[in-house]
C-alpha atoms as a PDB file:
ATOM      1  CA  MET A   1      93.541 119.447  90.678  1.00  0.00           C
ATOM      2  CA  ILE A   2      93.371 115.564  90.469  1.00  0.00           C
ATOM      3  CA  GLY A   3      91.399 114.443  87.707  1.00  0.00           C
ATOM      4  CA  ILE A   4      89.195 111.012  88.187  1.00  0.00           C
ATOM      5  CA  VAL A   5      88.321 109.989  84.802  1.00  0.00           C
ATOM      6  CA  ASP A   6      84.502 109.171  84.612  1.00  0.00           C
ATOM      7  CA  TYR A   7      84.038 106.774  81.746  1.00  0.00           C
ATOM      8  CA  GLY A   8      81.017 105.145  82.995  1.00  0.00           C
ATOM      9  CA  MET A   9      82.640 102.287  84.820  1.00  0.00           C
ATOM     10  CA  GLY A  10      83.854 102.705  88.558  1.00  0.00           C
ATOM     11  CA  ASN A  11      83.464 103.561  92.219  1.00  0.00           C
ATOM     12  CA  LEU A  12      84.066 107.158  91.540  1.00  0.00           C
ATOM     13  CA  ARG A  13      82.462 108.863  94.982  1.00  0.00           C
ATOM     14  CA  SER A  14      84.583 106.731  96.827  1.00  0.00           C
ATOM     15  CA  VAL A  15      87.877 107.122  95.110  1.00  0.00           C
ATOM     16  CA  GLN A  16      86.974 111.149  95.311  1.00  0.00           C
ATOM     17  CA  LYS A  17      85.834 111.123  98.895  1.00  0.00           C
ATOM     18  CA  ALA A  18      89.093 108.853  99.990  1.00  0.00           C
ATOM     19  CA  LEU A  19      91.218 111.396  98.090  1.00  0.00           C
ATOM     20  CA  GLN A  20      89.836 114.309  99.576  1.00  0.00           C
ATOM     21  CA  ARG A  21      89.678 112.970 103.336  1.00  0.00           C
ATOM     22  CA  VAL A  22      93.645 113.096 102.827  1.00  0.00           C
ATOM     23  CA  GLY A  23      93.794 116.440 101.557  1.00  0.00           C
ATOM     24  CA  GLY A  24      93.562 116.138  97.559  1.00  0.00           C
ATOM     25  CA  ASP A  25      91.620 118.592  95.178  1.00  0.00           C
ATOM     26  CA  ALA A  26      89.901 115.454  93.623  1.00  0.00           C
ATOM     27  CA  ARG A  27      87.264 115.922  90.971  1.00  0.00           C
ATOM     28  CA  ILE A  28      85.754 113.887  88.631  1.00  0.00           C
ATOM     29  CA  ILE A  29      86.129 114.346  84.878  1.00  0.00           C
ATOM     30  CA  GLN A  30      84.977 113.457  81.497  1.00  0.00           C
ATOM     31  CA  THR A  31      86.299 114.922  78.695  1.00  0.00           C
ATOM     32  CA  ALA A  32      89.696 115.341  77.368  1.00  0.00           C
ATOM     33  CA  SER A  33      89.843 118.853  77.563  1.00  0.00           C
ATOM     34  CA  GLU A  34      89.014 118.579  81.389  1.00  0.00           C
ATOM     35  CA  LEU A  35      91.677 115.861  81.440  1.00  0.00           C
ATOM     36  CA  ALA A  36      94.268 118.413  79.869  1.00  0.00           C
ATOM     37  CA  ALA A  37      93.670 120.690  83.011  1.00  0.00           C
ATOM     38  CA  ALA A  38      94.528 118.373  85.265  1.00  0.00           C
ATOM     39  CA  LYS A  39      97.399 117.953  87.334  1.00  0.00           C
ATOM     40  CA  LYS A  40      97.290 114.476  88.670  1.00  0.00           C
ATOM     41  CA  ILE A  41      95.140 111.755  86.895  1.00  0.00           C
ATOM     42  CA  VAL A  42      93.270 108.851  88.447  1.00  0.00           C
ATOM     43  CA  LEU A  43      92.102 105.881  86.305  1.00  0.00           C
ATOM     44  CA  PRO A  44      89.799 103.627  88.556  1.00  0.00           C
ATOM     45  CA  GLY A  45      87.470 101.116  87.105  1.00  0.00           C
ATOM     46  CA  VAL A  46      84.985  97.936  87.651  1.00  0.00           C
ATOM     47  CA  GLY A  47      84.054  95.992  84.958  1.00  0.00           C
ATOM     48  CA  ALA A  48      84.800  94.542  81.921  1.00  0.00           C
ATOM     49  CA  PHE A  49      87.713  95.633  80.059  1.00  0.00           C
ATOM     50  CA  GLY A  50      86.535  95.426  76.447  1.00  0.00           C
ATOM     51  CA  ASP A  51      83.730  97.711  77.402  1.00  0.00           C
ATOM     52  CA  ALA A  52      85.992  99.924  79.208  1.00  0.00           C
ATOM     53  CA  MET A  53      88.057 100.557  76.664  1.00  0.00           C
ATOM     54  CA  ASP A  54      85.240 101.170  74.140  1.00  0.00           C
ATOM     55  CA  ARG A  55      84.158 103.694  76.253  1.00  0.00           C
ATOM     56  CA  LEU A  56      87.606 105.798  76.862  1.00  0.00           C
ATOM     57  CA  ARG A  57      87.798 105.900  73.030  1.00  0.00           C
ATOM     58  CA  SER A  58      84.626 106.883  72.097  1.00  0.00           C
ATOM     59  CA  ASN A  59      85.204 110.069  74.130  1.00  0.00           C
ATOM     60  CA  ARG A  60      88.894 110.160  73.189  1.00  0.00           C
ATOM     61  CA  LEU A  61      90.181 109.911  76.435  1.00  0.00           C
ATOM     62  CA  ASP A  62      92.257 107.110  75.521  1.00  0.00           C
ATOM     63  CA  ARG A  63      94.704 109.381  73.738  1.00  0.00           C
ATOM     64  CA  ALA A  64      94.439 112.177  76.402  1.00  0.00           C
ATOM     65  CA  ILE A  65      95.592 109.520  78.753  1.00  0.00           C
ATOM     66  CA  VAL A  66      98.827 108.300  76.973  1.00  0.00           C
ATOM     67  CA  GLY A  67      99.474 111.769  76.498  1.00  0.00           C
ATOM     68  CA  ALA A  68      99.260 112.716  80.085  1.00  0.00           C
ATOM     69  CA  ILE A  69     101.251 110.049  80.950  1.00  0.00           C
ATOM     70  CA  ALA A  70     104.283 110.564  78.214  1.00  0.00           C
ATOM     71  CA  ASP A  71     104.085 114.536  79.715  1.00  0.00           C
ATOM     72  CA  GLY A  72     104.913 113.332  83.085  1.00  0.00           C
ATOM     73  CA  ARG A  73     101.948 114.079  84.829  1.00  0.00           C
ATOM     74  CA  PRO A  74     101.675 111.822  88.587  1.00  0.00           C
ATOM     75  CA  PHE A  75      99.040 108.700  87.133  1.00  0.00           C
ATOM     76  CA  LEU A  76      97.258 106.632  89.538  1.00  0.00           C
ATOM     77  CA  GLY A  77      95.307 103.342  87.874  1.00  0.00           C
ATOM     78  CA  ILE A  78      93.101 101.171  90.254  1.00  0.00           C
ATOM     79  CA  CYS A  79      91.887  98.036  89.609  1.00  0.00           C
ATOM     80  CA  LEU A  80      90.570  97.846  85.911  1.00  0.00           C
ATOM     81  CA  GLY A  81      92.386 101.314  85.612  1.00  0.00           C
ATOM     82  CA  PHE A  82      95.642  99.533  85.941  1.00  0.00           C
ATOM     83  CA  GLN A  83      95.128  96.522  83.615  1.00  0.00           C
ATOM     84  CA  MET A  84      93.989  98.879  80.518  1.00  0.00           C
ATOM     85  CA  LEU A  85      97.644 100.516  80.590  1.00  0.00           C
ATOM     86  CA  PHE A  86      99.053  97.111  79.268  1.00  0.00           C
ATOM     87  CA  ASP A  87      98.704  95.842  75.461  1.00  0.00           C
ATOM     88  CA  VAL A  88      95.927  93.258  75.775  1.00  0.00           C
ATOM     89  CA  SER A  89      93.528  91.566  77.806  1.00  0.00           C
ATOM     90  CA  TYR A  90      91.852  88.289  77.522  1.00  0.00           C
ATOM     91  CA  GLU A  91      88.831  88.959  79.027  1.00  0.00           C
ATOM     92  CA  ASP A  92      85.934  87.649  77.139  1.00  0.00           C
ATOM     93  CA  GLY A  93      87.980  87.142  73.965  1.00  0.00           C
ATOM     94  CA  GLN A  94      91.144  89.474  73.326  1.00  0.00           C
ATOM     95  CA  HIS A  95      91.073  93.513  73.550  1.00  0.00           C
ATOM     96  CA  THR A  96      93.599  96.369  72.899  1.00  0.00           C
ATOM     97  CA  GLY A  97      94.682  98.273  75.895  1.00  0.00           C
ATOM     98  CA  LEU A  98      96.283 101.702  76.142  1.00  0.00           C
ATOM     99  CA  GLY A  99      99.640 100.009  75.359  1.00  0.00           C
ATOM    100  CA  VAL A 100     101.542 102.354  78.086  1.00  0.00           C
ATOM    101  CA  PHE A 101     103.318  99.160  78.947  1.00  0.00           C
ATOM    102  CA  PRO A 102     103.789  95.719  77.288  1.00  0.00           C
ATOM    103  CA  GLY A 103     102.328  92.860  78.808  1.00  0.00           C
ATOM    104  CA  LYS A 104      98.785  91.048  79.011  1.00  0.00           C
ATOM    105  CA  VAL A 105      96.046  90.565  81.196  1.00  0.00           C
ATOM    106  CA  VAL A 106      95.016  86.904  82.046  1.00  0.00           C
ATOM    107  CA  ARG A 107      92.452  85.036  84.056  1.00  0.00           C
ATOM    108  CA  PHE A 108      93.344  83.302  87.259  1.00  0.00           C
ATOM    109  CA  ASP A 109      94.331  79.271  86.578  1.00  0.00           C
ATOM    110  CA  PHE A 110      94.596  77.210  89.185  1.00  0.00           C
ATOM    111  CA  SER A 111      94.837  73.710  87.395  1.00  0.00           C
ATOM    112  CA  GLY A 112      97.558  71.597  88.591  1.00  0.00           C
ATOM    113  CA  VAL A 113      98.562  74.624  90.828  1.00  0.00           C
ATOM    114  CA  SER A 114      96.901  74.317  94.288  1.00  0.00           C
ATOM    115  CA  ALA A 115      95.477  71.485  95.926  1.00  0.00           C
ATOM    116  CA  GLN A 116      92.490  73.540  97.591  1.00  0.00           C
ATOM    117  CA  PRO A 117      90.995  75.375  94.492  1.00  0.00           C
ATOM    118  CA  LEU A 118      90.658  79.158  95.297  1.00  0.00           C
ATOM    119  CA  ARG A 119      87.945  81.197  94.334  1.00  0.00           C
ATOM    120  CA  VAL A 120      87.666  83.543  91.295  1.00  0.00           C
ATOM    121  CA  PRO A 121      86.928  86.284  91.709  1.00  0.00           C
ATOM    122  CA  GLN A 122      89.634  86.921  94.683  1.00  0.00           C
ATOM    123  CA  ILE A 123      87.236  89.243  96.816  1.00  0.00           C
ATOM    124  CA  GLY A 124      88.500  90.277 100.044  1.00  0.00           C
ATOM    125  CA  TRP A 125      91.836  91.182 101.972  1.00  0.00           C
ATOM    126  CA  ASN A 126      95.249  89.523 101.088  1.00  0.00           C
ATOM    127  CA  GLN A 127      98.943  91.109 101.400  1.00  0.00           C
ATOM    128  CA  ILE A 128     101.697  92.921  99.397  1.00  0.00           C
ATOM    129  CA  GLN A 129     105.000  92.428  99.338  1.00  0.00           C
ATOM    130  CA  TRP A 130     107.591  94.540  98.350  1.00  0.00           C
ATOM    131  CA  GLU A 131     109.524  94.077  95.129  1.00  0.00           C
ATOM    132  CA  ARG A 132     111.526  97.396  95.528  1.00  0.00           C
ATOM    133  CA  LEU A 133     111.146 100.887  97.036  1.00  0.00           C
ATOM    134  CA  CYS A 134     108.577 102.914  95.765  1.00  0.00           C
ATOM    135  CA  PRO A 135     107.552 106.453  96.755  1.00  0.00           C
ATOM    136  CA  MET A 136     103.796 105.649  96.870  1.00  0.00           C
ATOM    137  CA  LEU A 137     104.557 102.948  99.661  1.00  0.00           C
ATOM    138  CA  THR A 138     106.266 105.215 101.829  1.00  0.00           C
ATOM    139  CA  GLY A 139     104.792 104.483 105.365  1.00  0.00           C
ATOM    140  CA  VAL A 140     103.189 101.311 104.253  1.00  0.00           C
ATOM    141  CA  ASP A 141     104.398  97.976 105.962  1.00  0.00           C
ATOM    142  CA  ASN A 142     105.870  95.043 103.728  1.00  0.00           C
ATOM    143  CA  GLY A 143     103.007  92.363 103.791  1.00  0.00           C
ATOM    144  CA  ALA A 144     100.181  94.972 104.432  1.00  0.00           C
ATOM    145  CA  TYR A 145      97.018  93.621 103.956  1.00  0.00           C
ATOM    146  CA  VAL A 146      94.610  95.567 101.191  1.00  0.00           C
ATOM    147  CA  TYR A 147      91.393  95.044  99.635  1.00  0.00           C
ATOM    148  CA  PHE A 148      91.160  93.039  95.850  1.00  0.00           C
ATOM    149  CA  CYS A 149      88.377  92.160  93.805  1.00  0.00           C
ATOM    150  CA  HIS A 150      89.133  90.917  90.475  1.00  0.00           C
ATOM    151  CA  SER A 151      89.369  87.395  88.217  1.00  0.00           C
ATOM    152  CA  TYR A 152      92.030  88.562  86.061  1.00  0.00           C
ATOM    153  CA  TYR A 153      95.664  89.707  86.824  1.00  0.00           C
ATOM    154  CA  VAL A 154      98.543  91.381  84.862  1.00  0.00           C
ATOM    155  CA  VAL A 155     101.961  89.655  83.609  1.00  0.00           C
ATOM    156  CA  PRO A 156     103.733  92.686  82.369  1.00  0.00           C
ATOM    157  CA  MET A 157     106.782  91.726  79.764  1.00  0.00           C
ATOM    158  CA  ASP A 158     109.231  93.761  82.024  1.00  0.00           C
ATOM    159  CA  ALA A 159     109.234  92.165  85.834  1.00  0.00           C
ATOM    160  CA  GLN A 160     111.172  95.629  86.983  1.00  0.00           C
ATOM    161  CA  ILE A 161     108.158  97.451  86.642  1.00  0.00           C
ATOM    162  CA  ALA A 162     106.586  95.324  89.726  1.00  0.00           C
ATOM    163  CA  ALA A 163     106.259  97.287  92.858  1.00  0.00           C
ATOM    164  CA  THR A 164     104.323  94.720  94.909  1.00  0.00           C
ATOM    165  CA  THR A 165     103.402  91.221  94.564  1.00  0.00           C
ATOM    166  CA  THR A 166     100.383  89.027  95.926  1.00  0.00           C
ATOM    167  CA  ASP A 167     100.300  85.168  96.703  1.00  0.00           C
ATOM    168  CA  TYR A 168      96.703  83.655  95.342  1.00  0.00           C
ATOM    169  CA  GLY A 169      97.533  80.284  94.253  1.00  0.00           C
ATOM    170  CA  TYR A 170     100.796  81.228  92.919  1.00  0.00           C
ATOM    171  CA  ARG A 171     102.392  84.990  92.670  1.00  0.00           C
ATOM    172  CA  TYR A 172     101.261  87.581  90.484  1.00  0.00           C
ATOM    173  CA  VAL A 173     102.218  91.296  90.262  1.00  0.00           C
ATOM    174  CA  SER A 174      99.670  93.569  92.355  1.00  0.00           C
ATOM    175  CA  SER A 175     100.968  97.032  91.485  1.00  0.00           C
ATOM    176  CA  ILE A 176     103.500  98.630  89.467  1.00  0.00           C
ATOM    177  CA  TRP A 177     105.791 101.541  89.208  1.00  0.00           C
ATOM    178  CA  LYS A 178     107.558 103.411  86.863  1.00  0.00           C
ATOM    179  CA  ASP A 179     108.742 107.059  86.387  1.00  0.00           C
ATOM    180  CA  ASN A 180     105.438 109.255  87.209  1.00  0.00           C
ATOM    181  CA  VAL A 181     103.150 105.787  87.026  1.00  0.00           C
ATOM    182  CA  PHE A 182     101.925 103.916  89.683  1.00  0.00           C
ATOM    183  CA  ALA A 183      98.860 101.414  89.413  1.00  0.00           C
ATOM    184  CA  THR A 184      97.390  98.934  91.739  1.00  0.00           C
ATOM    185  CA  GLN A 185      95.405  95.826  91.517  1.00  0.00           C
ATOM    186  CA  PHE A 186      93.776  96.339  94.513  1.00  0.00           C
ATOM    187  CA  HIS A 187      91.729  99.119  95.982  1.00  0.00           C
ATOM    188  CA  PRO A 188      93.213 101.941  97.990  1.00  0.00           C
ATOM    189  CA  GLU A 189      90.260 103.502  98.568  1.00  0.00           C
ATOM    190  CA  LYS A 190      88.445 100.343 100.053  1.00  0.00           C
ATOM    191  CA  SER A 191      91.915  99.377 102.335  1.00  0.00           C
ATOM    192  CA  GLN A 192      91.362 101.485 105.229  1.00  0.00           C
ATOM    193  CA  ALA A 193      94.564 103.221 106.891  1.00  0.00           C
ATOM    194  CA  VAL A 194      96.645 101.163 104.409  1.00  0.00           C
ATOM    195  CA  GLY A 195      94.844 102.342 101.276  1.00  0.00           C
ATOM    196  CA  LEU A 196      94.874 105.994 102.557  1.00  0.00           C
ATOM    197  CA  LYS A 197      98.498 106.537 103.122  1.00  0.00           C
ATOM    198  CA  ILE A 198      98.787 105.367  99.766  1.00  0.00           C
ATOM    199  CA  LEU A 199      96.839 108.088  98.173  1.00  0.00           C
ATOM    200  CA  GLU A 200      98.134 110.533 100.812  1.00  0.00           C
ATOM    201  CA  ASN A 201     101.493 109.778  99.155  1.00  0.00           C
ATOM    202  CA  PHE A 202     100.112 110.141  95.844  1.00  0.00           C
ATOM    203  CA  VAL A 203      98.188 113.410  96.762  1.00  0.00           C
ATOM    204  CA  ARG A 204     101.950 114.940  98.172  1.00  0.00           C
ATOM    205  CA  LEU A 205     103.936 114.268  95.025  1.00  0.00           C
END
């Protein structure tokens, strides 16, 4: 069973339907005990980092997620669920994340970078460029287009965990992979055939 973590912030049904479409037994879960029973875990999310972390902690889901990752269960983080894996976010202040990986979450800043200021948030289709081979990207072309919707992005301390990067004014890390953890800034569930292939790869792990 693939457990999709419901903490009140995320497009859960679209993630669930996309996983089911590629053969996954995907169920929405809300408690630490339900998470403990899941063989694989998906942490989606849309919204503010600080509020999301507060909700995870209030249900003790933060510890359950970190424990499941430490146990080696396959884990997929999406958008905000990707960002929360890191130490700290500077979205509307400073907020502590799950701390699975060292790094920070910062806002796009194009001052002095681009002659033509880019829109923030980044909304729409953009390309992902491989940084290294990754099981979750099997069958996905280098330079494939996927769907983004975000104002903040991750800066990992360890550049070696980057799976893909994306150019939006400058190049940033758009997905990571290490051991049993894969996470994306983009939305696979909204990325049509490319996104479904990524989710299918997760289901087949």
